[in-house]
Amino acid sequence: MSVLETYKARSGRFTPVWTLEIQTLPEDTDRILDAVMAVHPLGYGRYQRNASISAVGAETAQPEAGSTTTTHVDGFEAGGTETYPMVELKISIERDVAVLEKVMDAVLEVHHYEEPVIFLREDWASRAAYDPNRDNPHRWWNNGKGLPERIG
């Protein structure tokens, strides 16, 4: 038993989750999220389809003989370096193997790679003692600034 299982502050608690960090093309994040949403709501408190997407970075690899790159890219030689744009898509789910199996099957079905880079971590996610009418001056509905501008 973790001490976090008994943690209870006035502000909220923590719950055990698995975090999946999926490296993918920037334009594929919605397709992956839509596929996962078909099997899991990606809930976080009173919100669904919760995910974070990093800024665009790069991934690099050296495909071996027999890889899909050496099979499907004319003239590509095994051991050559390739670098592509990528983002890290992070989602969290409850620690339940049956749920994990469904989510992984959904991701692997729609990912553009045959061997996607996916990291699975055991994490603890906060759950706030939620009150949508709280008069805390730092909350977006009280701070005079409102929500940030939407990007999508």
N, C-alpha and C. Protein backbone atom coordinates (compact mmCIF):
# COMPACT_ATOMS: atom_id res chain seq x y z
N MET A 1 0.84 -1.19 0.00
CA MET A 1 0.00 0.00 0.00
C MET A 1 0.88 1.24 0.00
N SER A 2 0.51 2.18 -0.83
CA SER A 2 1.24 3.45 -0.90
C SER A 2 0.62 4.45 0.06
N VAL A 3 1.45 5.32 0.58
CA VAL A 3 0.95 6.38 1.45
C VAL A 3 -0.04 7.28 0.69
N LEU A 4 0.09 7.34 -0.63
CA LEU A 4 -0.81 8.17 -1.42
C LEU A 4 -2.24 7.64 -1.44
N GLU A 5 -2.42 6.35 -1.16
CA GLU A 5 -3.77 5.79 -1.10
C GLU A 5 -4.55 6.34 0.09
N THR A 6 -3.85 6.78 1.11
CA THR A 6 -4.53 7.34 2.28
C THR A 6 -4.45 8.86 2.33
N TYR A 7 -3.79 9.47 1.35
CA TYR A 7 -3.64 10.92 1.29
C TYR A 7 -5.02 11.56 1.08
N LYS A 8 -5.37 12.48 1.93
CA LYS A 8 -6.62 13.23 1.79
C LYS A 8 -6.39 14.62 2.34
N ALA A 9 -6.28 15.57 1.44
CA ALA A 9 -6.12 16.96 1.84
C ALA A 9 -7.45 17.68 1.58
N ARG A 10 -7.59 18.81 2.18
CA ARG A 10 -8.79 19.62 1.94
C ARG A 10 -8.94 19.91 0.44
N SER A 11 -7.81 20.05 -0.24
CA SER A 11 -7.82 20.38 -1.66
C SER A 11 -8.11 19.19 -2.58
N GLY A 12 -7.99 17.96 -2.09
CA GLY A 12 -8.26 16.81 -2.93
C GLY A 12 -7.46 15.59 -2.55
N ARG A 13 -7.27 14.69 -3.51
CA ARG A 13 -6.62 13.41 -3.28
C ARG A 13 -5.82 13.02 -4.52
N PHE A 14 -5.19 11.86 -4.45
CA PHE A 14 -4.49 11.28 -5.59
C PHE A 14 -5.09 9.91 -5.88
N THR A 15 -5.09 9.55 -7.16
CA THR A 15 -5.59 8.24 -7.55
C THR A 15 -4.55 7.56 -8.44
N PRO A 16 -4.38 6.23 -8.31
CA PRO A 16 -3.39 5.54 -9.13
C PRO A 16 -3.84 5.44 -10.59
N VAL A 17 -2.94 5.77 -11.50
CA VAL A 17 -3.23 5.68 -12.93
C VAL A 17 -2.02 5.13 -13.65
N TRP A 18 -2.25 4.70 -14.87
CA TRP A 18 -1.17 4.42 -15.80
C TRP A 18 -1.14 5.56 -16.79
N THR A 19 0.03 6.08 -17.06
CA THR A 19 0.20 7.11 -18.09
C THR A 19 0.85 6.46 -19.29
N LEU A 20 0.23 6.64 -20.45
CA LEU A 20 0.81 6.19 -21.71
C LEU A 20 1.35 7.41 -22.43
N GLU A 21 2.61 7.33 -22.80
CA GLU A 21 3.25 8.39 -23.56
C GLU A 21 3.54 7.80 -24.94
N ILE A 22 2.85 8.35 -25.93
CA ILE A 22 2.86 7.78 -27.28
C ILE A 22 3.56 8.77 -28.21
N GLN A 23 4.63 8.35 -28.85
CA GLN A 23 5.29 9.20 -29.84
C GLN A 23 4.58 9.00 -31.17
N THR A 24 4.19 10.12 -31.79
CA THR A 24 3.45 10.03 -33.04
C THR A 24 3.64 11.29 -33.87
N LEU A 25 3.13 11.25 -35.07
CA LEU A 25 3.14 12.43 -35.93
C LEU A 25 2.14 13.46 -35.39
N PRO A 26 2.45 14.74 -35.49
CA PRO A 26 1.53 15.75 -34.98
C PRO A 26 0.11 15.62 -35.56
N GLU A 27 0.01 15.31 -36.85
CA GLU A 27 -1.31 15.23 -37.49
C GLU A 27 -2.09 13.96 -37.14
N ASP A 28 -1.47 13.01 -36.42
CA ASP A 28 -2.15 11.76 -36.08
C ASP A 28 -2.75 11.75 -34.67
N THR A 29 -2.58 12.81 -33.90
CA THR A 29 -3.05 12.79 -32.51
C THR A 29 -4.57 12.62 -32.43
N ASP A 30 -5.31 13.32 -33.26
CA ASP A 30 -6.77 13.19 -33.19
C ASP A 30 -7.24 11.79 -33.58
N ARG A 31 -6.60 11.19 -34.58
CA ARG A 31 -6.98 9.83 -34.97
C ARG A 31 -6.75 8.85 -33.83
N ILE A 32 -5.63 8.98 -33.14
CA ILE A 32 -5.33 8.10 -32.00
C ILE A 32 -6.32 8.35 -30.87
N LEU A 33 -6.56 9.62 -30.55
CA LEU A 33 -7.51 9.93 -29.47
C LEU A 33 -8.91 9.44 -29.81
N ASP A 34 -9.34 9.60 -31.05
CA ASP A 34 -10.67 9.11 -31.45
C ASP A 34 -10.77 7.60 -31.29
N ALA A 35 -9.71 6.88 -31.66
CA ALA A 35 -9.71 5.42 -31.53
C ALA A 35 -9.77 5.01 -30.06
N VAL A 36 -9.00 5.68 -29.23
CA VAL A 36 -9.02 5.37 -27.79
C VAL A 36 -10.40 5.69 -27.20
N MET A 37 -10.98 6.81 -27.61
CA MET A 37 -12.29 7.20 -27.09
C MET A 37 -13.38 6.18 -27.42
N ALA A 38 -13.17 5.37 -28.43
CA ALA A 38 -14.14 4.32 -28.77
C ALA A 38 -14.15 3.22 -27.71
N VAL A 39 -13.07 3.13 -26.91
CA VAL A 39 -12.99 2.07 -25.89
C VAL A 39 -12.81 2.60 -24.48
N HIS A 40 -12.53 3.91 -24.33
CA HIS A 40 -12.29 4.50 -23.00
C HIS A 40 -12.56 6.00 -23.06
N PRO A 41 -13.20 6.56 -22.03
CA PRO A 41 -13.53 8.00 -22.07
C PRO A 41 -12.38 8.95 -21.78
N LEU A 42 -11.24 8.43 -21.33
CA LEU A 42 -10.10 9.28 -20.95
C LEU A 42 -10.54 10.38 -19.98
N GLY A 43 -11.26 9.94 -18.96
CA GLY A 43 -11.79 10.88 -17.98
C GLY A 43 -10.74 11.39 -17.02
N TYR A 44 -10.92 12.64 -16.62
CA TYR A 44 -10.09 13.27 -15.60
C TYR A 44 -11.02 14.19 -14.84
N GLY A 45 -11.42 13.77 -13.66
CA GLY A 45 -12.42 14.53 -12.92
C GLY A 45 -13.71 14.54 -13.70
N ARG A 46 -14.25 15.71 -13.97
CA ARG A 46 -15.52 15.85 -14.69
C ARG A 46 -15.31 16.20 -16.17
N TYR A 47 -14.17 15.81 -16.71
CA TYR A 47 -13.84 16.07 -18.10
C TYR A 47 -13.46 14.77 -18.78
N GLN A 48 -13.77 14.66 -20.08
CA GLN A 48 -13.39 13.50 -20.87
C GLN A 48 -12.47 13.92 -22.01
N ARG A 49 -11.87 12.93 -22.65
CA ARG A 49 -10.92 13.12 -23.76
C ARG A 49 -9.74 13.98 -23.32
N ASN A 50 -9.25 13.69 -22.13
CA ASN A 50 -8.12 14.43 -21.58
C ASN A 50 -6.81 13.85 -22.08
N ALA A 51 -5.98 14.73 -22.60
CA ALA A 51 -4.67 14.33 -23.12
C ALA A 51 -3.80 15.57 -23.15
N SER A 52 -2.51 15.34 -23.23
CA SER A 52 -1.61 16.45 -23.48
C SER A 52 -0.76 16.09 -24.69
N ILE A 53 -0.44 17.12 -25.46
CA ILE A 53 0.33 16.93 -26.68
C ILE A 53 1.50 17.90 -26.61
N SER A 54 2.70 17.38 -26.69
CA SER A 54 3.89 18.21 -26.59
C SER A 54 4.06 19.06 -27.84
N ALA A 55 4.97 20.01 -27.75
CA ALA A 55 5.39 20.75 -28.93
C ALA A 55 6.08 19.78 -29.89
N VAL A 56 6.15 20.14 -31.13
CA VAL A 56 6.78 19.27 -32.13
C VAL A 56 8.27 19.18 -31.86
N GLY A 57 8.75 17.97 -31.84
CA GLY A 57 10.17 17.68 -31.69
C GLY A 57 10.59 16.77 -32.83
N ALA A 58 11.57 15.93 -32.58
CA ALA A 58 12.05 15.02 -33.61
C ALA A 58 12.31 13.65 -33.00
N GLU A 59 12.10 12.63 -33.81
CA GLU A 59 12.48 11.28 -33.42
C GLU A 59 13.45 10.76 -34.47
N THR A 60 14.35 9.93 -34.03
CA THR A 60 15.35 9.43 -34.95
C THR A 60 15.59 7.94 -34.70
N ALA A 61 15.92 7.22 -35.75
CA ALA A 61 16.16 5.78 -35.64
C ALA A 61 17.04 5.32 -36.79
N GLN A 62 17.60 4.13 -36.62
CA GLN A 62 18.36 3.47 -37.68
C GLN A 62 17.70 2.12 -37.95
N PRO A 63 16.83 2.04 -38.95
CA PRO A 63 16.13 0.80 -39.25
C PRO A 63 17.08 -0.34 -39.62
N GLU A 64 16.76 -1.51 -39.10
CA GLU A 64 17.54 -2.71 -39.40
C GLU A 64 16.99 -3.39 -40.65
N ALA A 65 17.76 -4.31 -41.20
CA ALA A 65 17.30 -5.10 -42.33
C ALA A 65 16.02 -5.82 -41.94
N GLY A 66 15.07 -5.87 -42.84
CA GLY A 66 13.80 -6.54 -42.57
C GLY A 66 12.77 -5.63 -41.91
N SER A 67 13.14 -4.39 -41.60
CA SER A 67 12.17 -3.46 -41.02
C SER A 67 11.23 -2.98 -42.13
N THR A 68 10.13 -2.37 -41.75
CA THR A 68 9.22 -1.87 -42.79
C THR A 68 9.87 -0.75 -43.61
N THR A 69 10.76 0.02 -43.00
CA THR A 69 11.44 1.07 -43.76
C THR A 69 12.29 0.46 -44.86
N THR A 70 13.09 -0.54 -44.54
CA THR A 70 13.94 -1.15 -45.58
C THR A 70 13.10 -1.94 -46.57
N THR A 71 11.91 -2.38 -46.16
CA THR A 71 11.03 -3.12 -47.06
C THR A 71 10.26 -2.19 -47.99
N HIS A 72 9.81 -1.03 -47.50
CA HIS A 72 8.89 -0.19 -48.27
C HIS A 72 9.47 1.11 -48.80
N VAL A 73 10.70 1.47 -48.43
CA VAL A 73 11.30 2.70 -48.95
C VAL A 73 12.41 2.30 -49.93
N ASP A 74 12.15 2.54 -51.20
CA ASP A 74 13.12 2.17 -52.24
C ASP A 74 14.46 2.85 -51.98
N GLY A 75 15.51 2.07 -52.01
CA GLY A 75 16.86 2.58 -51.89
C GLY A 75 17.33 2.83 -50.46
N PHE A 76 16.46 2.64 -49.46
CA PHE A 76 16.90 2.86 -48.08
C PHE A 76 17.77 1.69 -47.65
N GLU A 77 18.95 2.00 -47.13
CA GLU A 77 19.87 0.95 -46.69
C GLU A 77 19.77 0.77 -45.19
N ALA A 78 19.72 -0.48 -44.76
CA ALA A 78 19.66 -0.80 -43.34
C ALA A 78 20.80 -0.09 -42.61
N GLY A 79 20.49 0.45 -41.45
CA GLY A 79 21.49 1.14 -40.65
C GLY A 79 21.58 2.63 -40.92
N GLY A 80 20.92 3.10 -41.98
CA GLY A 80 20.90 4.53 -42.26
C GLY A 80 20.03 5.25 -41.24
N THR A 81 20.37 6.47 -40.96
CA THR A 81 19.62 7.24 -39.97
C THR A 81 18.46 7.98 -40.63
N GLU A 82 17.30 7.92 -39.98
CA GLU A 82 16.15 8.70 -40.42
C GLU A 82 15.64 9.53 -39.25
N THR A 83 15.18 10.74 -39.53
CA THR A 83 14.67 11.63 -38.50
C THR A 83 13.38 12.26 -39.01
N TYR A 84 12.36 12.25 -38.15
CA TYR A 84 11.04 12.75 -38.53
C TYR A 84 10.48 13.62 -37.42
N PRO A 85 9.50 14.49 -37.76
CA PRO A 85 8.83 15.27 -36.72
C PRO A 85 7.95 14.35 -35.87
N MET A 86 7.84 14.69 -34.60
CA MET A 86 6.98 13.90 -33.71
C MET A 86 6.52 14.74 -32.54
N VAL A 87 5.43 14.28 -31.92
CA VAL A 87 4.95 14.85 -30.65
C VAL A 87 4.79 13.69 -29.68
N GLU A 88 4.72 14.05 -28.41
CA GLU A 88 4.41 13.05 -27.39
C GLU A 88 2.97 13.28 -26.94
N LEU A 89 2.15 12.28 -27.17
CA LEU A 89 0.75 12.30 -26.78
C LEU A 89 0.65 11.54 -25.46
N LYS A 90 0.17 12.21 -24.40
CA LYS A 90 0.06 11.57 -23.09
C LYS A 90 -1.39 11.44 -22.69
N ILE A 91 -1.76 10.23 -22.27
CA ILE A 91 -3.09 9.95 -21.75
C ILE A 91 -2.93 9.15 -20.46
N SER A 92 -3.97 9.17 -19.63
CA SER A 92 -3.92 8.35 -18.43
C SER A 92 -5.21 7.57 -18.30
N ILE A 93 -5.06 6.36 -17.76
CA ILE A 93 -6.20 5.45 -17.53
C ILE A 93 -6.04 4.83 -16.15
N GLU A 94 -7.14 4.29 -15.65
CA GLU A 94 -7.05 3.59 -14.37
C GLU A 94 -6.15 2.36 -14.53
N ARG A 95 -5.58 1.92 -13.41
CA ARG A 95 -4.69 0.75 -13.44
C ARG A 95 -5.53 -0.52 -13.47
N ASP A 96 -5.94 -0.88 -14.67
CA ASP A 96 -6.77 -2.06 -14.90
C ASP A 96 -6.26 -2.71 -16.18
N VAL A 97 -5.78 -3.93 -16.09
CA VAL A 97 -5.15 -4.60 -17.24
C VAL A 97 -6.13 -4.74 -18.40
N ALA A 98 -7.39 -5.06 -18.13
CA ALA A 98 -8.37 -5.21 -19.22
C ALA A 98 -8.55 -3.88 -19.96
N VAL A 99 -8.57 -2.78 -19.24
CA VAL A 99 -8.68 -1.46 -19.87
C VAL A 99 -7.42 -1.17 -20.68
N LEU A 100 -6.26 -1.45 -20.11
CA LEU A 100 -5.00 -1.22 -20.80
C LEU A 100 -4.95 -2.00 -22.12
N GLU A 101 -5.40 -3.24 -22.11
CA GLU A 101 -5.40 -4.05 -23.32
C GLU A 101 -6.26 -3.42 -24.41
N LYS A 102 -7.45 -2.93 -24.07
CA LYS A 102 -8.33 -2.30 -25.05
C LYS A 102 -7.71 -1.01 -25.60
N VAL A 103 -7.14 -0.21 -24.71
CA VAL A 103 -6.53 1.05 -25.14
C VAL A 103 -5.33 0.79 -26.04
N MET A 104 -4.47 -0.15 -25.66
CA MET A 104 -3.29 -0.45 -26.49
C MET A 104 -3.71 -1.00 -27.84
N ASP A 105 -4.72 -1.88 -27.88
CA ASP A 105 -5.20 -2.40 -29.16
C ASP A 105 -5.69 -1.26 -30.05
N ALA A 106 -6.41 -0.30 -29.47
CA ALA A 106 -6.92 0.84 -30.24
C ALA A 106 -5.76 1.68 -30.78
N VAL A 107 -4.77 1.96 -29.95
CA VAL A 107 -3.62 2.76 -30.38
C VAL A 107 -2.85 2.05 -31.49
N LEU A 108 -2.54 0.78 -31.27
CA LEU A 108 -1.74 0.05 -32.24
C LEU A 108 -2.45 -0.14 -33.58
N GLU A 109 -3.78 -0.18 -33.55
CA GLU A 109 -4.55 -0.33 -34.79
C GLU A 109 -4.42 0.90 -35.69
N VAL A 110 -4.34 2.10 -35.11
CA VAL A 110 -4.37 3.32 -35.92
C VAL A 110 -3.03 4.06 -35.98
N HIS A 111 -2.02 3.58 -35.26
CA HIS A 111 -0.72 4.26 -35.29
C HIS A 111 -0.05 4.01 -36.63
N HIS A 112 0.72 4.97 -37.11
CA HIS A 112 1.36 4.86 -38.42
C HIS A 112 2.58 3.94 -38.43
N TYR A 113 3.11 3.60 -37.27
CA TYR A 113 4.26 2.69 -37.21
C TYR A 113 3.82 1.28 -36.84
N GLU A 114 4.61 0.30 -37.30
CA GLU A 114 4.37 -1.09 -36.87
C GLU A 114 4.90 -1.34 -35.47
N GLU A 115 5.84 -0.52 -35.04
CA GLU A 115 6.44 -0.64 -33.70
C GLU A 115 6.49 0.75 -33.07
N PRO A 116 5.32 1.28 -32.67
CA PRO A 116 5.30 2.63 -32.09
C PRO A 116 6.08 2.69 -30.78
N VAL A 117 6.65 3.84 -30.51
CA VAL A 117 7.33 4.06 -29.24
C VAL A 117 6.27 4.52 -28.24
N ILE A 118 5.99 3.64 -27.27
CA ILE A 118 4.98 3.91 -26.24
C ILE A 118 5.59 3.56 -24.90
N PHE A 119 5.56 4.51 -23.98
CA PHE A 119 6.04 4.26 -22.63
C PHE A 119 4.84 4.19 -21.70
N LEU A 120 4.88 3.25 -20.77
CA LEU A 120 3.83 3.09 -19.77
C LEU A 120 4.44 3.32 -18.40
N ARG A 121 3.82 4.25 -17.66
CA ARG A 121 4.32 4.58 -16.33
C ARG A 121 3.21 4.41 -15.30
N GLU A 122 3.61 4.00 -14.12
CA GLU A 122 2.69 4.02 -12.99
C GLU A 122 2.79 5.39 -12.35
N ASP A 123 1.68 6.12 -12.35
CA ASP A 123 1.66 7.47 -11.81
C ASP A 123 0.52 7.62 -10.82
N TRP A 124 0.48 8.77 -10.21
CA TRP A 124 -0.62 9.16 -9.33
C TRP A 124 -1.15 10.49 -9.86
N ALA A 125 -2.43 10.55 -10.14
CA ALA A 125 -3.04 11.76 -10.69
C ALA A 125 -3.87 12.46 -9.61
N SER A 126 -3.79 13.77 -9.60
CA SER A 126 -4.56 14.53 -8.62
C SER A 126 -6.04 14.53 -9.00
N ARG A 127 -6.86 14.58 -7.99
CA ARG A 127 -8.30 14.76 -8.15
C ARG A 127 -8.69 15.84 -7.15
N ALA A 128 -9.10 16.97 -7.66
CA ALA A 128 -9.39 18.12 -6.82
C ALA A 128 -10.71 17.95 -6.08
N ALA A 129 -10.80 18.57 -4.93
CA ALA A 129 -12.07 18.70 -4.23
C ALA A 129 -12.83 19.80 -4.98
N TYR A 130 -13.51 19.40 -6.00
CA TYR A 130 -14.05 20.27 -7.04
C TYR A 130 -15.26 21.06 -6.58
N ASP A 131 -15.25 22.35 -6.83
CA ASP A 131 -16.40 23.21 -6.55
C ASP A 131 -16.42 24.30 -7.64
N PRO A 132 -17.32 24.17 -8.64
CA PRO A 132 -17.34 25.13 -9.75
C PRO A 132 -17.77 26.54 -9.35
N ASN A 133 -18.23 26.71 -8.14
CA ASN A 133 -18.68 28.03 -7.70
C ASN A 133 -17.72 28.66 -6.69
N ARG A 134 -16.59 28.04 -6.47
CA ARG A 134 -15.64 28.55 -5.48
C ARG A 134 -15.17 29.94 -5.87
N ASP A 135 -15.01 30.80 -4.89
CA ASP A 135 -14.65 32.19 -5.18
C ASP A 135 -13.15 32.45 -5.11
N ASN A 136 -12.34 31.43 -5.24
CA ASN A 136 -10.90 31.59 -5.27
C ASN A 136 -10.51 32.56 -6.39
N PRO A 137 -9.79 33.63 -6.09
CA PRO A 137 -9.48 34.64 -7.11
C PRO A 137 -8.53 34.15 -8.20
N HIS A 138 -7.91 33.01 -8.02
CA HIS A 138 -6.97 32.49 -9.02
C HIS A 138 -7.66 31.65 -10.08
N ARG A 139 -8.89 31.23 -9.86
CA ARG A 139 -9.61 30.40 -10.83
C ARG A 139 -9.98 31.25 -12.04
N TRP A 140 -9.96 30.64 -13.22
CA TRP A 140 -10.16 31.38 -14.47
C TRP A 140 -11.49 32.13 -14.48
N TRP A 141 -12.50 31.60 -13.84
CA TRP A 141 -13.80 32.27 -13.86
C TRP A 141 -13.88 33.46 -12.89
N ASN A 142 -12.83 33.64 -12.08
CA ASN A 142 -12.78 34.76 -11.13
C ASN A 142 -11.63 35.72 -11.38
N ASN A 143 -10.66 35.36 -12.20
CA ASN A 143 -9.42 36.15 -12.28
C ASN A 143 -9.48 37.32 -13.28
N GLY A 144 -10.60 37.50 -13.96
CA GLY A 144 -10.73 38.61 -14.90
C GLY A 144 -10.11 38.35 -16.26
N LYS A 145 -9.36 37.23 -16.41
CA LYS A 145 -8.73 36.90 -17.69
C LYS A 145 -9.51 35.83 -18.44
N GLY A 146 -10.26 35.03 -17.72
CA GLY A 146 -11.01 33.94 -18.35
C GLY A 146 -10.09 32.84 -18.83
N LEU A 147 -10.62 32.00 -19.70
CA LEU A 147 -9.84 30.90 -20.28
C LEU A 147 -8.82 31.43 -21.28
N PRO A 148 -7.71 30.70 -21.47
CA PRO A 148 -6.76 31.11 -22.51
C PRO A 148 -7.43 30.95 -23.89
N GLU A 149 -6.86 31.57 -24.89
CA GLU A 149 -7.39 31.45 -26.25
C GLU A 149 -7.25 30.01 -26.72
N ARG A 150 -8.28 29.47 -27.31
CA ARG A 150 -8.25 28.09 -27.82
C ARG A 150 -7.35 27.98 -29.04
N ILE A 151 -6.67 26.86 -29.15
CA ILE A 151 -5.82 26.62 -30.32
C ILE A 151 -6.40 25.54 -31.21
N GLY A 152 -7.50 24.98 -30.82
CA GLY A 152 -8.11 23.94 -31.64
C GLY A 152 -9.51 23.66 -31.27
